[in-house]
Amino acid sequence: MIKAKQLQVVAGAYLSGMGYYVEISPEIPNTDLKPDVVGIKPKLEQIKLRLENKGGAPTGFLYLLSEDEWTPTESIVEKTGFNEDFVKAVLRDSEEDGWIKSKNEPADKVFWKIDRYRLPAEECVMMCCGAEDALGALDVLEGLKGCFNRGYVLFPYQVDEEFLDRCFQSEIGVLFFDERIVSFREMVPAKHLEIKNFKTYSTICEKIVVDNYVMRTGEYF
């Protein structure tokens, strides 16, 4: 029977074949939870914009900004805990790259708003191998809800109805890899979930999309 590490690689290739940019065992910011596979559906026009601007976007700050309302520097400092000079320096660099714009008010106050920034991805899929610890794999995906659109537990064998029902109730899908026909079969469909943790989601998308683009094309930002 196929091992967990092999299943991880097969799942990554499966997503890659459907046009996703993939990373195996990625680090997820602000948590110790780690999925086995993450796939990001790229928006090529946004990737090209990053190439033109020679860099990714500062997701650690952008999640605090809006397209419709101006946000004062003081608010960003308060929410991030960073020094005001550091915040302004990062945001000024981002303004030069075209991601955001600023305006000055009396008393030397600076306000910021999102300009051309758009997420470089349409969808995020996370997968965990459940062959060795099915409940643990499900717990990881449940703990990361809000950071992905679809989540799947992966198995190289059939699983019982009780576990399938638990996944269904958790809105997490189940994929069974049949070695005989070298194909995945969806035992439980994954529900398309709303992104609620935009900071983590955007950070994951930026990193994986940029890394994959560089590896696939040899073009550096």
N, C-alpha and C. Protein backbone atom coordinates (compact mmCIF):
# COMPACT_ATOMS: atom_id res chain seq x y z
N MET A 1 0.85 -1.20 0.00
CA MET A 1 0.00 0.00 0.00
C MET A 1 0.88 1.25 0.00
N ILE A 2 0.46 2.26 -0.71
CA ILE A 2 1.20 3.50 -0.81
C ILE A 2 1.35 4.15 0.58
N LYS A 3 2.53 4.70 0.85
CA LYS A 3 2.81 5.33 2.13
C LYS A 3 2.34 6.78 2.14
N ALA A 4 2.29 7.35 3.37
CA ALA A 4 1.78 8.71 3.53
C ALA A 4 2.58 9.73 2.72
N LYS A 5 3.92 9.61 2.75
CA LYS A 5 4.75 10.56 2.01
C LYS A 5 4.50 10.44 0.51
N GLN A 6 4.33 9.23 0.03
CA GLN A 6 4.04 9.03 -1.40
C GLN A 6 2.67 9.60 -1.75
N LEU A 7 1.71 9.41 -0.87
CA LEU A 7 0.37 9.93 -1.09
C LEU A 7 0.38 11.45 -1.14
N GLN A 8 1.21 12.04 -0.31
CA GLN A 8 1.37 13.49 -0.29
C GLN A 8 1.86 14.00 -1.65
N VAL A 9 2.86 13.35 -2.20
CA VAL A 9 3.42 13.75 -3.49
C VAL A 9 2.40 13.51 -4.62
N VAL A 10 1.71 12.39 -4.57
CA VAL A 10 0.70 12.08 -5.59
C VAL A 10 -0.41 13.13 -5.56
N ALA A 11 -0.83 13.51 -4.36
CA ALA A 11 -1.88 14.52 -4.23
C ALA A 11 -1.42 15.87 -4.77
N GLY A 12 -0.15 16.21 -4.52
CA GLY A 12 0.39 17.45 -5.05
C GLY A 12 0.40 17.44 -6.57
N ALA A 13 0.80 16.30 -7.14
CA ALA A 13 0.81 16.18 -8.61
C ALA A 13 -0.61 16.24 -9.17
N TYR A 14 -1.55 15.67 -8.43
CA TYR A 14 -2.96 15.68 -8.82
C TYR A 14 -3.47 17.12 -8.93
N LEU A 15 -3.16 17.95 -7.93
CA LEU A 15 -3.59 19.35 -7.98
C LEU A 15 -2.83 20.12 -9.06
N SER A 16 -1.54 19.85 -9.18
CA SER A 16 -0.74 20.53 -10.19
C SER A 16 -1.28 20.26 -11.59
N GLY A 17 -1.71 19.03 -11.82
CA GLY A 17 -2.27 18.66 -13.11
C GLY A 17 -3.56 19.39 -13.43
N MET A 18 -4.23 19.92 -12.40
CA MET A 18 -5.45 20.68 -12.61
C MET A 18 -5.20 22.19 -12.65
N GLY A 19 -3.91 22.56 -12.72
CA GLY A 19 -3.58 23.97 -12.87
C GLY A 19 -3.32 24.71 -11.58
N TYR A 20 -3.22 24.00 -10.46
CA TYR A 20 -2.93 24.64 -9.19
C TYR A 20 -1.43 24.79 -9.01
N TYR A 21 -1.02 25.84 -8.30
CA TYR A 21 0.36 25.96 -7.83
C TYR A 21 0.40 25.29 -6.47
N VAL A 22 1.38 24.41 -6.24
CA VAL A 22 1.35 23.51 -5.09
C VAL A 22 2.59 23.66 -4.21
N GLU A 23 2.40 23.46 -2.92
CA GLU A 23 3.51 23.34 -1.98
C GLU A 23 3.23 22.18 -1.04
N ILE A 24 4.27 21.39 -0.78
CA ILE A 24 4.17 20.25 0.13
C ILE A 24 4.64 20.67 1.52
N SER A 25 3.90 20.27 2.54
CA SER A 25 4.23 20.57 3.95
C SER A 25 4.56 22.04 4.17
N PRO A 26 3.68 22.95 3.78
CA PRO A 26 3.98 24.38 3.92
C PRO A 26 3.87 24.84 5.37
N GLU A 27 4.62 25.88 5.71
CA GLU A 27 4.47 26.53 7.00
C GLU A 27 3.28 27.49 6.91
N ILE A 28 2.38 27.40 7.88
CA ILE A 28 1.22 28.29 7.92
C ILE A 28 1.47 29.33 9.00
N PRO A 29 1.44 30.61 8.66
CA PRO A 29 1.77 31.65 9.65
C PRO A 29 0.79 31.67 10.82
N ASN A 30 1.33 31.97 11.99
CA ASN A 30 0.56 32.17 13.22
C ASN A 30 -0.12 30.91 13.75
N THR A 31 0.39 29.73 13.37
CA THR A 31 -0.16 28.48 13.89
C THR A 31 0.87 27.37 13.75
N ASP A 32 0.75 26.36 14.62
CA ASP A 32 1.60 25.18 14.52
C ASP A 32 0.98 24.11 13.62
N LEU A 33 -0.26 24.32 13.20
CA LEU A 33 -0.94 23.36 12.35
C LEU A 33 -0.33 23.38 10.95
N LYS A 34 -0.16 22.20 10.37
CA LYS A 34 0.49 22.13 9.05
C LYS A 34 -0.22 21.09 8.18
N PRO A 35 -0.83 21.52 7.08
CA PRO A 35 -1.40 20.57 6.13
C PRO A 35 -0.29 19.87 5.36
N ASP A 36 -0.61 18.75 4.74
CA ASP A 36 0.38 18.03 3.94
C ASP A 36 0.56 18.64 2.56
N VAL A 37 -0.52 19.17 2.01
CA VAL A 37 -0.49 19.74 0.65
C VAL A 37 -1.36 20.99 0.62
N VAL A 38 -0.87 22.02 -0.05
CA VAL A 38 -1.69 23.21 -0.31
C VAL A 38 -1.62 23.50 -1.80
N GLY A 39 -2.78 23.72 -2.41
CA GLY A 39 -2.85 24.09 -3.82
C GLY A 39 -3.54 25.43 -3.99
N ILE A 40 -2.92 26.30 -4.75
CA ILE A 40 -3.46 27.64 -5.01
C ILE A 40 -3.77 27.77 -6.49
N LYS A 41 -4.99 28.16 -6.81
CA LYS A 41 -5.37 28.40 -8.20
C LYS A 41 -4.95 29.82 -8.58
N PRO A 42 -3.93 29.98 -9.43
CA PRO A 42 -3.37 31.31 -9.68
C PRO A 42 -4.20 32.16 -10.63
N LYS A 43 -4.12 33.48 -10.40
CA LYS A 43 -4.63 34.46 -11.36
C LYS A 43 -3.42 35.03 -12.09
N LEU A 44 -3.24 34.64 -13.33
CA LEU A 44 -2.02 34.97 -14.04
C LEU A 44 -1.83 36.48 -14.23
N GLU A 45 -2.94 37.21 -14.37
CA GLU A 45 -2.79 38.66 -14.57
C GLU A 45 -2.22 39.32 -13.32
N GLN A 46 -2.57 38.77 -12.14
CA GLN A 46 -2.03 39.31 -10.90
C GLN A 46 -0.56 38.93 -10.71
N ILE A 47 -0.18 37.77 -11.17
CA ILE A 47 1.22 37.35 -11.09
C ILE A 47 2.08 38.25 -11.98
N LYS A 48 1.58 38.57 -13.16
CA LYS A 48 2.32 39.45 -14.06
C LYS A 48 2.48 40.84 -13.45
N LEU A 49 1.47 41.28 -12.71
CA LEU A 49 1.54 42.57 -12.04
C LEU A 49 2.66 42.57 -11.00
N ARG A 50 2.83 41.45 -10.31
CA ARG A 50 3.92 41.35 -9.34
C ARG A 50 5.28 41.38 -10.03
N LEU A 51 5.34 40.77 -11.21
CA LEU A 51 6.59 40.80 -11.97
C LEU A 51 6.93 42.23 -12.38
N GLU A 52 5.93 42.97 -12.82
CA GLU A 52 6.13 44.35 -13.22
C GLU A 52 6.59 45.20 -12.04
N ASN A 53 6.03 44.92 -10.85
CA ASN A 53 6.34 45.71 -9.67
C ASN A 53 7.58 45.22 -8.94
N LYS A 54 8.17 44.09 -9.44
CA LYS A 54 9.39 43.54 -8.87
C LYS A 54 9.21 43.09 -7.42
N GLY A 55 8.05 42.62 -7.06
CA GLY A 55 7.90 42.10 -5.70
C GLY A 55 6.48 41.74 -5.35
N GLY A 56 6.36 40.95 -4.28
CA GLY A 56 5.05 40.60 -3.77
C GLY A 56 4.49 41.74 -2.94
N ALA A 57 3.32 41.52 -2.41
CA ALA A 57 2.65 42.55 -1.63
C ALA A 57 2.84 42.29 -0.14
N PRO A 58 2.84 43.34 0.70
CA PRO A 58 3.05 43.18 2.15
C PRO A 58 1.78 42.72 2.85
N THR A 59 1.52 41.43 2.80
CA THR A 59 0.26 40.92 3.33
C THR A 59 0.10 41.14 4.83
N GLY A 60 1.21 41.33 5.54
CA GLY A 60 1.12 41.60 6.97
C GLY A 60 0.49 42.93 7.30
N PHE A 61 0.35 43.79 6.30
CA PHE A 61 -0.28 45.09 6.50
C PHE A 61 -1.55 45.25 5.67
N LEU A 62 -1.56 44.65 4.50
CA LEU A 62 -2.68 44.86 3.58
C LEU A 62 -4.02 44.40 4.14
N TYR A 63 -3.99 43.37 4.99
CA TYR A 63 -5.26 42.87 5.52
C TYR A 63 -5.94 43.90 6.42
N LEU A 64 -5.20 44.92 6.85
CA LEU A 64 -5.77 45.97 7.71
C LEU A 64 -6.33 47.14 6.90
N LEU A 65 -6.11 47.11 5.59
CA LEU A 65 -6.52 48.24 4.75
C LEU A 65 -7.76 47.90 3.93
N SER A 66 -8.37 48.95 3.40
CA SER A 66 -9.60 48.81 2.62
C SER A 66 -9.45 49.56 1.30
N GLU A 67 -10.26 49.16 0.32
CA GLU A 67 -10.32 49.90 -0.94
C GLU A 67 -11.21 51.13 -0.83
N ASP A 68 -12.11 51.12 0.15
CA ASP A 68 -13.15 52.14 0.21
C ASP A 68 -12.92 53.20 1.28
N GLU A 69 -12.15 52.88 2.32
CA GLU A 69 -11.96 53.82 3.42
C GLU A 69 -10.47 54.02 3.70
N TRP A 70 -10.13 55.23 4.15
CA TRP A 70 -8.75 55.56 4.51
C TRP A 70 -8.47 55.09 5.94
N THR A 71 -7.31 54.46 6.13
CA THR A 71 -6.92 53.95 7.45
C THR A 71 -5.71 54.73 7.96
N PRO A 72 -5.78 55.30 9.17
CA PRO A 72 -4.65 56.07 9.69
C PRO A 72 -3.49 55.17 10.10
N THR A 73 -2.29 55.71 10.00
CA THR A 73 -1.09 54.96 10.41
C THR A 73 -1.21 54.47 11.85
N GLU A 74 -1.75 55.32 12.72
CA GLU A 74 -1.86 54.98 14.14
C GLU A 74 -2.66 53.69 14.35
N SER A 75 -3.68 53.48 13.54
CA SER A 75 -4.50 52.27 13.67
C SER A 75 -3.69 51.03 13.31
N ILE A 76 -2.86 51.13 12.27
CA ILE A 76 -2.03 50.00 11.84
C ILE A 76 -0.98 49.70 12.90
N VAL A 77 -0.37 50.73 13.46
CA VAL A 77 0.63 50.55 14.52
C VAL A 77 0.01 49.85 15.72
N GLU A 78 -1.19 50.28 16.09
CA GLU A 78 -1.87 49.69 17.25
C GLU A 78 -2.18 48.22 17.03
N LYS A 79 -2.62 47.86 15.83
CA LYS A 79 -3.04 46.49 15.56
C LYS A 79 -1.87 45.54 15.30
N THR A 80 -0.75 46.07 14.79
CA THR A 80 0.39 45.20 14.49
C THR A 80 1.43 45.18 15.60
N GLY A 81 1.51 46.27 16.37
CA GLY A 81 2.52 46.36 17.41
C GLY A 81 3.88 46.79 16.90
N PHE A 82 3.98 47.12 15.60
CA PHE A 82 5.25 47.54 15.04
C PHE A 82 5.49 49.03 15.27
N ASN A 83 6.76 49.41 15.21
CA ASN A 83 7.16 50.81 15.33
C ASN A 83 6.58 51.63 14.18
N GLU A 84 6.17 52.87 14.47
CA GLU A 84 5.52 53.70 13.46
C GLU A 84 6.42 53.97 12.26
N ASP A 85 7.71 54.21 12.51
CA ASP A 85 8.63 54.47 11.40
C ASP A 85 8.75 53.25 10.49
N PHE A 86 8.76 52.05 11.10
CA PHE A 86 8.84 50.82 10.32
C PHE A 86 7.59 50.63 9.46
N VAL A 87 6.44 50.87 10.06
CA VAL A 87 5.17 50.74 9.34
C VAL A 87 5.14 51.69 8.15
N LYS A 88 5.52 52.93 8.38
CA LYS A 88 5.51 53.91 7.29
C LYS A 88 6.48 53.53 6.18
N ALA A 89 7.66 53.01 6.57
CA ALA A 89 8.66 52.64 5.56
C ALA A 89 8.15 51.51 4.68
N VAL A 90 7.53 50.49 5.29
CA VAL A 90 6.99 49.37 4.51
C VAL A 90 5.87 49.85 3.59
N LEU A 91 4.99 50.68 4.13
CA LEU A 91 3.86 51.15 3.34
C LEU A 91 4.30 52.09 2.22
N ARG A 92 5.34 52.87 2.46
CA ARG A 92 5.86 53.73 1.39
C ARG A 92 6.43 52.90 0.24
N ASP A 93 7.14 51.83 0.59
CA ASP A 93 7.66 50.93 -0.44
C ASP A 93 6.51 50.32 -1.24
N SER A 94 5.45 49.93 -0.54
CA SER A 94 4.29 49.34 -1.20
C SER A 94 3.58 50.36 -2.08
N GLU A 95 3.61 51.61 -1.65
CA GLU A 95 3.00 52.67 -2.45
C GLU A 95 3.78 52.86 -3.75
N GLU A 96 5.10 52.80 -3.66
CA GLU A 96 5.93 52.92 -4.86
C GLU A 96 5.68 51.76 -5.83
N ASP A 97 5.39 50.58 -5.27
CA ASP A 97 5.10 49.41 -6.10
C ASP A 97 3.68 49.44 -6.66
N GLY A 98 2.86 50.36 -6.16
CA GLY A 98 1.51 50.50 -6.69
C GLY A 98 0.43 49.71 -5.98
N TRP A 99 0.79 49.06 -4.85
CA TRP A 99 -0.22 48.26 -4.16
C TRP A 99 -1.20 49.11 -3.37
N ILE A 100 -0.70 50.22 -2.81
CA ILE A 100 -1.55 51.07 -1.98
C ILE A 100 -1.30 52.54 -2.34
N LYS A 101 -2.10 53.43 -1.76
CA LYS A 101 -1.88 54.86 -1.93
C LYS A 101 -2.09 55.55 -0.58
N SER A 102 -1.60 56.76 -0.48
CA SER A 102 -1.68 57.48 0.80
C SER A 102 -2.19 58.90 0.58
N LYS A 103 -2.58 59.51 1.68
CA LYS A 103 -2.90 60.94 1.68
C LYS A 103 -2.48 61.51 3.03
N ASN A 104 -2.05 62.77 2.99
CA ASN A 104 -1.63 63.45 4.21
C ASN A 104 -2.73 64.38 4.69
N GLU A 105 -2.91 64.39 5.98
CA GLU A 105 -3.89 65.27 6.61
C GLU A 105 -3.15 66.26 7.51
N PRO A 106 -3.84 67.26 8.04
CA PRO A 106 -3.18 68.17 8.98
C PRO A 106 -2.57 67.42 10.16
N ALA A 107 -1.62 68.04 10.82
CA ALA A 107 -0.94 67.48 11.99
C ALA A 107 -0.10 66.27 11.61
N ASP A 108 0.37 66.24 10.36
CA ASP A 108 1.30 65.20 9.89
C ASP A 108 0.73 63.79 9.96
N LYS A 109 -0.57 63.65 9.90
CA LYS A 109 -1.18 62.32 9.90
C LYS A 109 -1.23 61.77 8.48
N VAL A 110 -0.92 60.49 8.36
CA VAL A 110 -0.94 59.83 7.05
C VAL A 110 -2.00 58.75 7.06
N PHE A 111 -2.78 58.70 5.99
CA PHE A 111 -3.84 57.70 5.83
C PHE A 111 -3.52 56.85 4.61
N TRP A 112 -3.98 55.58 4.65
CA TRP A 112 -3.64 54.61 3.61
C TRP A 112 -4.88 53.90 3.09
N LYS A 113 -4.80 53.51 1.81
CA LYS A 113 -5.91 52.78 1.19
C LYS A 113 -5.34 51.82 0.13
N ILE A 114 -5.98 50.66 -0.04
CA ILE A 114 -5.57 49.72 -1.09
C ILE A 114 -5.80 50.35 -2.46
N ASP A 115 -4.81 50.20 -3.34
CA ASP A 115 -4.92 50.76 -4.68
C ASP A 115 -5.12 49.63 -5.70
N ARG A 116 -4.02 49.02 -6.17
CA ARG A 116 -4.13 48.00 -7.22
C ARG A 116 -4.07 46.57 -6.67
N TYR A 117 -3.97 46.40 -5.38
CA TYR A 117 -3.77 45.05 -4.85
C TYR A 117 -5.01 44.17 -5.05
N ARG A 118 -4.77 43.00 -5.58
CA ARG A 118 -5.78 41.95 -5.66
C ARG A 118 -5.09 40.64 -5.31
N LEU A 119 -5.80 39.75 -4.70
CA LEU A 119 -5.22 38.45 -4.40
C LEU A 119 -4.77 37.76 -5.69
N PRO A 120 -3.61 37.08 -5.67
CA PRO A 120 -3.12 36.43 -6.89
C PRO A 120 -3.70 35.04 -7.08
N ALA A 121 -4.79 34.72 -6.37
CA ALA A 121 -5.34 33.36 -6.43
C ALA A 121 -6.87 33.39 -6.41
N GLU A 122 -7.44 32.38 -7.04
CA GLU A 122 -8.90 32.23 -7.06
C GLU A 122 -9.39 31.29 -5.96
N GLU A 123 -8.54 30.35 -5.56
CA GLU A 123 -8.98 29.33 -4.62
C GLU A 123 -7.78 28.72 -3.91
N CYS A 124 -8.00 28.30 -2.67
CA CYS A 124 -6.98 27.60 -1.90
C CYS A 124 -7.55 26.25 -1.44
N VAL A 125 -6.83 25.17 -1.77
CA VAL A 125 -7.22 23.82 -1.34
C VAL A 125 -6.16 23.28 -0.39
N MET A 126 -6.59 22.78 0.76
CA MET A 126 -5.66 22.16 1.70
C MET A 126 -6.01 20.68 1.87
N MET A 127 -4.96 19.85 1.98
CA MET A 127 -5.13 18.41 2.12
C MET A 127 -4.27 17.86 3.24
N CYS A 128 -4.79 16.87 3.96
CA CYS A 128 -4.02 16.17 4.98
C CYS A 128 -4.16 14.67 4.78
N CYS A 129 -3.05 13.94 4.91
CA CYS A 129 -3.06 12.49 4.78
C CYS A 129 -3.61 11.87 6.06
N GLY A 130 -4.63 11.02 5.92
CA GLY A 130 -5.27 10.44 7.08
C GLY A 130 -4.94 8.98 7.32
N ALA A 131 -4.03 8.41 6.55
CA ALA A 131 -3.75 6.97 6.63
C ALA A 131 -3.23 6.56 8.00
N GLU A 132 -2.40 7.38 8.61
CA GLU A 132 -1.80 7.02 9.90
C GLU A 132 -2.56 7.60 11.08
N ASP A 133 -3.23 8.73 10.88
CA ASP A 133 -3.99 9.36 11.96
C ASP A 133 -5.15 10.14 11.35
N ALA A 134 -6.24 9.43 11.10
CA ALA A 134 -7.39 10.04 10.41
C ALA A 134 -7.98 11.20 11.20
N LEU A 135 -8.18 10.99 12.50
CA LEU A 135 -8.79 12.05 13.32
C LEU A 135 -7.85 13.24 13.45
N GLY A 136 -6.55 12.97 13.53
CA GLY A 136 -5.59 14.07 13.61
C GLY A 136 -5.58 14.90 12.34
N ALA A 137 -5.68 14.24 11.19
CA ALA A 137 -5.73 14.95 9.92
C ALA A 137 -6.98 15.83 9.83
N LEU A 138 -8.09 15.29 10.29
CA LEU A 138 -9.33 16.06 10.28
C LEU A 138 -9.24 17.24 11.24
N ASP A 139 -8.61 17.03 12.39
CA ASP A 139 -8.46 18.11 13.37
C ASP A 139 -7.62 19.26 12.80
N VAL A 140 -6.58 18.93 12.04
CA VAL A 140 -5.74 19.97 11.43
C VAL A 140 -6.57 20.83 10.49
N LEU A 141 -7.36 20.20 9.65
CA LEU A 141 -8.18 20.95 8.69
C LEU A 141 -9.27 21.76 9.39
N GLU A 142 -9.84 21.20 10.42
CA GLU A 142 -10.85 21.95 11.17
C GLU A 142 -10.22 23.17 11.84
N GLY A 143 -8.97 22.99 12.32
CA GLY A 143 -8.28 24.10 12.96
C GLY A 143 -7.86 25.20 12.00
N LEU A 144 -7.74 24.86 10.72
CA LEU A 144 -7.32 25.84 9.71
C LEU A 144 -8.49 26.42 8.93
N LYS A 145 -9.70 26.08 9.30
CA LYS A 145 -10.87 26.64 8.62
C LYS A 145 -10.82 28.16 8.66
N GLY A 146 -11.22 28.75 7.56
CA GLY A 146 -11.13 30.20 7.43
C GLY A 146 -9.93 30.62 6.61
N CYS A 147 -8.96 29.67 6.44
CA CYS A 147 -7.75 29.94 5.67
C CYS A 147 -7.77 29.27 4.30
N PHE A 148 -8.77 28.43 4.04
CA PHE A 148 -8.85 27.74 2.75
C PHE A 148 -10.29 27.66 2.28
N ASN A 149 -10.45 27.39 0.98
CA ASN A 149 -11.79 27.26 0.42
C ASN A 149 -12.31 25.83 0.46
N ARG A 150 -11.40 24.85 0.19
CA ARG A 150 -11.80 23.44 0.27
C ARG A 150 -10.72 22.64 0.99
N GLY A 151 -11.15 21.73 1.84
CA GLY A 151 -10.21 20.88 2.55
C GLY A 151 -10.54 19.41 2.35
N TYR A 152 -9.50 18.58 2.24
CA TYR A 152 -9.70 17.15 2.02
C TYR A 152 -8.79 16.33 2.94
N VAL A 153 -9.33 15.22 3.46
CA VAL A 153 -8.51 14.19 4.10
C VAL A 153 -8.25 13.12 3.04
N LEU A 154 -6.98 12.70 2.94
CA LEU A 154 -6.57 11.74 1.91
C LEU A 154 -6.35 10.36 2.49
N PHE A 155 -6.78 9.34 1.74
CA PHE A 155 -6.58 7.95 2.17
C PHE A 155 -6.15 7.08 0.99
N PRO A 156 -5.28 6.08 1.27
CA PRO A 156 -4.93 5.10 0.23
C PRO A 156 -5.80 3.85 0.35
N TYR A 157 -6.85 3.92 1.16
CA TYR A 157 -7.76 2.80 1.37
C TYR A 157 -9.15 3.33 1.69
N GLN A 158 -10.15 2.46 1.59
CA GLN A 158 -11.52 2.84 1.91
C GLN A 158 -11.67 3.05 3.42
N VAL A 159 -12.48 4.01 3.82
CA VAL A 159 -12.70 4.27 5.24
C VAL A 159 -14.17 4.04 5.58
N ASP A 160 -14.45 3.90 6.88
CA ASP A 160 -15.80 3.52 7.29
C ASP A 160 -16.77 4.70 7.19
N GLU A 161 -18.04 4.35 7.19
CA GLU A 161 -19.10 5.34 7.03
C GLU A 161 -19.14 6.34 8.19
N GLU A 162 -18.76 5.90 9.37
CA GLU A 162 -18.79 6.80 10.52
C GLU A 162 -17.84 7.97 10.33
N PHE A 163 -16.64 7.66 9.84
CA PHE A 163 -15.67 8.73 9.61
C PHE A 163 -16.10 9.62 8.45
N LEU A 164 -16.64 9.01 7.41
CA LEU A 164 -17.13 9.79 6.27
C LEU A 164 -18.22 10.75 6.71
N ASP A 165 -19.09 10.28 7.58
CA ASP A 165 -20.17 11.14 8.07
C ASP A 165 -19.61 12.28 8.91
N ARG A 166 -18.59 11.97 9.70
CA ARG A 166 -17.98 13.03 10.53
C ARG A 166 -17.37 14.11 9.64
N CYS A 167 -16.72 13.70 8.57
CA CYS A 167 -16.14 14.66 7.63
C CYS A 167 -17.23 15.49 6.96
N PHE A 168 -18.30 14.81 6.58
CA PHE A 168 -19.42 15.51 5.95
C PHE A 168 -19.98 16.58 6.89
N GLN A 169 -20.15 16.23 8.15
CA GLN A 169 -20.66 17.18 9.13
C GLN A 169 -19.69 18.34 9.35
N SER A 170 -18.40 18.07 9.16
CA SER A 170 -17.38 19.11 9.34
C SER A 170 -17.13 19.92 8.07
N GLU A 171 -17.84 19.57 6.99
CA GLU A 171 -17.71 20.24 5.69
C GLU A 171 -16.34 20.03 5.05
N ILE A 172 -15.69 18.93 5.45
CA ILE A 172 -14.39 18.55 4.91
C ILE A 172 -14.58 17.34 3.99
N GLY A 173 -13.92 17.35 2.84
CA GLY A 173 -14.05 16.27 1.88
C GLY A 173 -13.10 15.11 2.18
N VAL A 174 -13.36 13.98 1.51
CA VAL A 174 -12.50 12.80 1.63
C VAL A 174 -12.16 12.31 0.23
N LEU A 175 -10.87 12.12 -0.03
CA LEU A 175 -10.40 11.58 -1.30
C LEU A 175 -9.72 10.23 -1.07
N PHE A 176 -10.13 9.24 -1.83
CA PHE A 176 -9.54 7.90 -1.76
C PHE A 176 -8.69 7.68 -3.01
N PHE A 177 -7.40 7.33 -2.81
CA PHE A 177 -6.51 7.07 -3.92
C PHE A 177 -6.49 5.58 -4.22
N ASP A 178 -6.97 5.22 -5.38
CA ASP A 178 -7.01 3.83 -5.81
C ASP A 178 -5.75 3.53 -6.61
N GLU A 179 -4.83 2.77 -6.01
CA GLU A 179 -3.56 2.45 -6.68
C GLU A 179 -3.76 1.64 -7.95
N ARG A 180 -4.81 0.83 -7.98
CA ARG A 180 -5.04 -0.05 -9.12
C ARG A 180 -5.25 0.75 -10.40
N ILE A 181 -6.00 1.83 -10.30
CA ILE A 181 -6.26 2.65 -11.49
C ILE A 181 -5.52 3.99 -11.43
N VAL A 182 -4.70 4.15 -10.40
CA VAL A 182 -3.88 5.36 -10.21
C VAL A 182 -4.73 6.62 -10.33
N SER A 183 -5.75 6.68 -9.50
CA SER A 183 -6.69 7.80 -9.59
C SER A 183 -7.34 8.06 -8.24
N PHE A 184 -7.69 9.33 -8.00
CA PHE A 184 -8.43 9.70 -6.80
C PHE A 184 -9.93 9.60 -7.05
N ARG A 185 -10.64 9.19 -6.03
CA ARG A 185 -12.09 9.17 -6.08
C ARG A 185 -12.62 9.94 -4.87
N GLU A 186 -13.55 10.85 -5.12
CA GLU A 186 -14.10 11.69 -4.06
C GLU A 186 -15.19 10.91 -3.30
N MET A 187 -14.88 10.54 -2.06
CA MET A 187 -15.83 9.81 -1.22
C MET A 187 -16.82 10.77 -0.56
N VAL A 188 -16.32 11.94 -0.18
CA VAL A 188 -17.17 12.99 0.40
C VAL A 188 -16.76 14.31 -0.26
N PRO A 189 -17.70 15.03 -0.86
CA PRO A 189 -17.34 16.31 -1.48
C PRO A 189 -17.01 17.35 -0.42
N ALA A 190 -16.04 18.19 -0.71
CA ALA A 190 -15.68 19.27 0.21
C ALA A 190 -16.56 20.48 -0.07
N LYS A 191 -17.07 21.08 0.97
CA LYS A 191 -17.87 22.28 0.81
C LYS A 191 -16.96 23.47 0.54
N HIS A 192 -17.37 24.36 -0.33
CA HIS A 192 -16.61 25.57 -0.61
C HIS A 192 -16.85 26.56 0.53
N LEU A 193 -15.80 26.83 1.30
CA LEU A 193 -15.93 27.63 2.52
C LEU A 193 -15.50 29.08 2.28
N GLU A 194 -16.04 29.95 3.10
CA GLU A 194 -15.71 31.37 3.03
C GLU A 194 -14.36 31.62 3.71
N ILE A 195 -13.55 32.49 3.12
CA ILE A 195 -12.29 32.87 3.73
C ILE A 195 -12.58 33.90 4.83
N LYS A 196 -12.18 33.58 6.05
CA LYS A 196 -12.40 34.50 7.18
C LYS A 196 -11.09 35.04 7.75
N ASN A 197 -10.02 34.25 7.63
CA ASN A 197 -8.71 34.70 8.09
C ASN A 197 -7.93 35.22 6.88
N PHE A 198 -8.23 36.45 6.48
CA PHE A 198 -7.66 37.00 5.25
C PHE A 198 -6.16 37.17 5.35
N LYS A 199 -5.65 37.51 6.54
CA LYS A 199 -4.21 37.71 6.70
C LYS A 199 -3.44 36.43 6.36
N THR A 200 -3.85 35.32 6.98
CA THR A 200 -3.17 34.05 6.74
C THR A 200 -3.38 33.59 5.31
N TYR A 201 -4.60 33.69 4.84
CA TYR A 201 -4.93 33.26 3.47
C TYR A 201 -4.10 34.01 2.43
N SER A 202 -4.04 35.32 2.56
CA SER A 202 -3.31 36.11 1.57
C SER A 202 -1.81 35.85 1.65
N THR A 203 -1.31 35.62 2.85
CA THR A 203 0.11 35.32 3.01
C THR A 203 0.46 34.00 2.32
N ILE A 204 -0.37 32.99 2.52
CA ILE A 204 -0.16 31.68 1.88
C ILE A 204 -0.20 31.85 0.35
N CYS A 205 -1.21 32.55 -0.15
CA CYS A 205 -1.37 32.73 -1.59
C CYS A 205 -0.18 33.44 -2.20
N GLU A 206 0.26 34.54 -1.58
CA GLU A 206 1.38 35.30 -2.11
C GLU A 206 2.63 34.43 -2.20
N LYS A 207 2.94 33.72 -1.11
CA LYS A 207 4.17 32.93 -1.07
C LYS A 207 4.17 31.81 -2.11
N ILE A 208 3.10 31.03 -2.13
CA ILE A 208 3.07 29.87 -3.02
C ILE A 208 3.01 30.29 -4.48
N VAL A 209 2.23 31.31 -4.77
CA VAL A 209 2.12 31.77 -6.16
C VAL A 209 3.45 32.32 -6.66
N VAL A 210 4.11 33.14 -5.84
CA VAL A 210 5.39 33.72 -6.25
C VAL A 210 6.45 32.63 -6.39
N ASP A 211 6.57 31.73 -5.40
CA ASP A 211 7.57 30.66 -5.45
C ASP A 211 7.37 29.76 -6.67
N ASN A 212 6.14 29.38 -6.93
CA ASN A 212 5.85 28.51 -8.07
C ASN A 212 6.15 29.20 -9.38
N TYR A 213 5.80 30.48 -9.47
CA TYR A 213 6.03 31.21 -10.71
C TYR A 213 7.52 31.27 -11.03
N VAL A 214 8.33 31.54 -10.00
CA VAL A 214 9.77 31.61 -10.19
C VAL A 214 10.31 30.26 -10.64
N MET A 215 9.88 29.18 -9.99
CA MET A 215 10.38 27.85 -10.32
C MET A 215 9.94 27.42 -11.72
N ARG A 216 8.75 27.80 -12.13
CA ARG A 216 8.22 27.35 -13.41
C ARG A 216 8.79 28.15 -14.59
N THR A 217 9.09 29.43 -14.35
CA THR A 217 9.49 30.29 -15.46
C THR A 217 10.95 30.72 -15.41
N GLY A 218 11.54 30.68 -14.20
CA GLY A 218 12.90 31.17 -14.05
C GLY A 218 12.98 32.68 -13.97
N GLU A 219 11.82 33.35 -13.94
CA GLU A 219 11.79 34.81 -13.84
C GLU A 219 11.68 35.19 -12.37
N TYR A 220 12.54 36.09 -11.92
CA TYR A 220 12.58 36.50 -10.53
C TYR A 220 11.97 37.87 -10.35
N PHE A 221 11.31 38.03 -9.21
CA PHE A 221 10.67 39.32 -8.92
C PHE A 221 11.70 40.31 -8.37
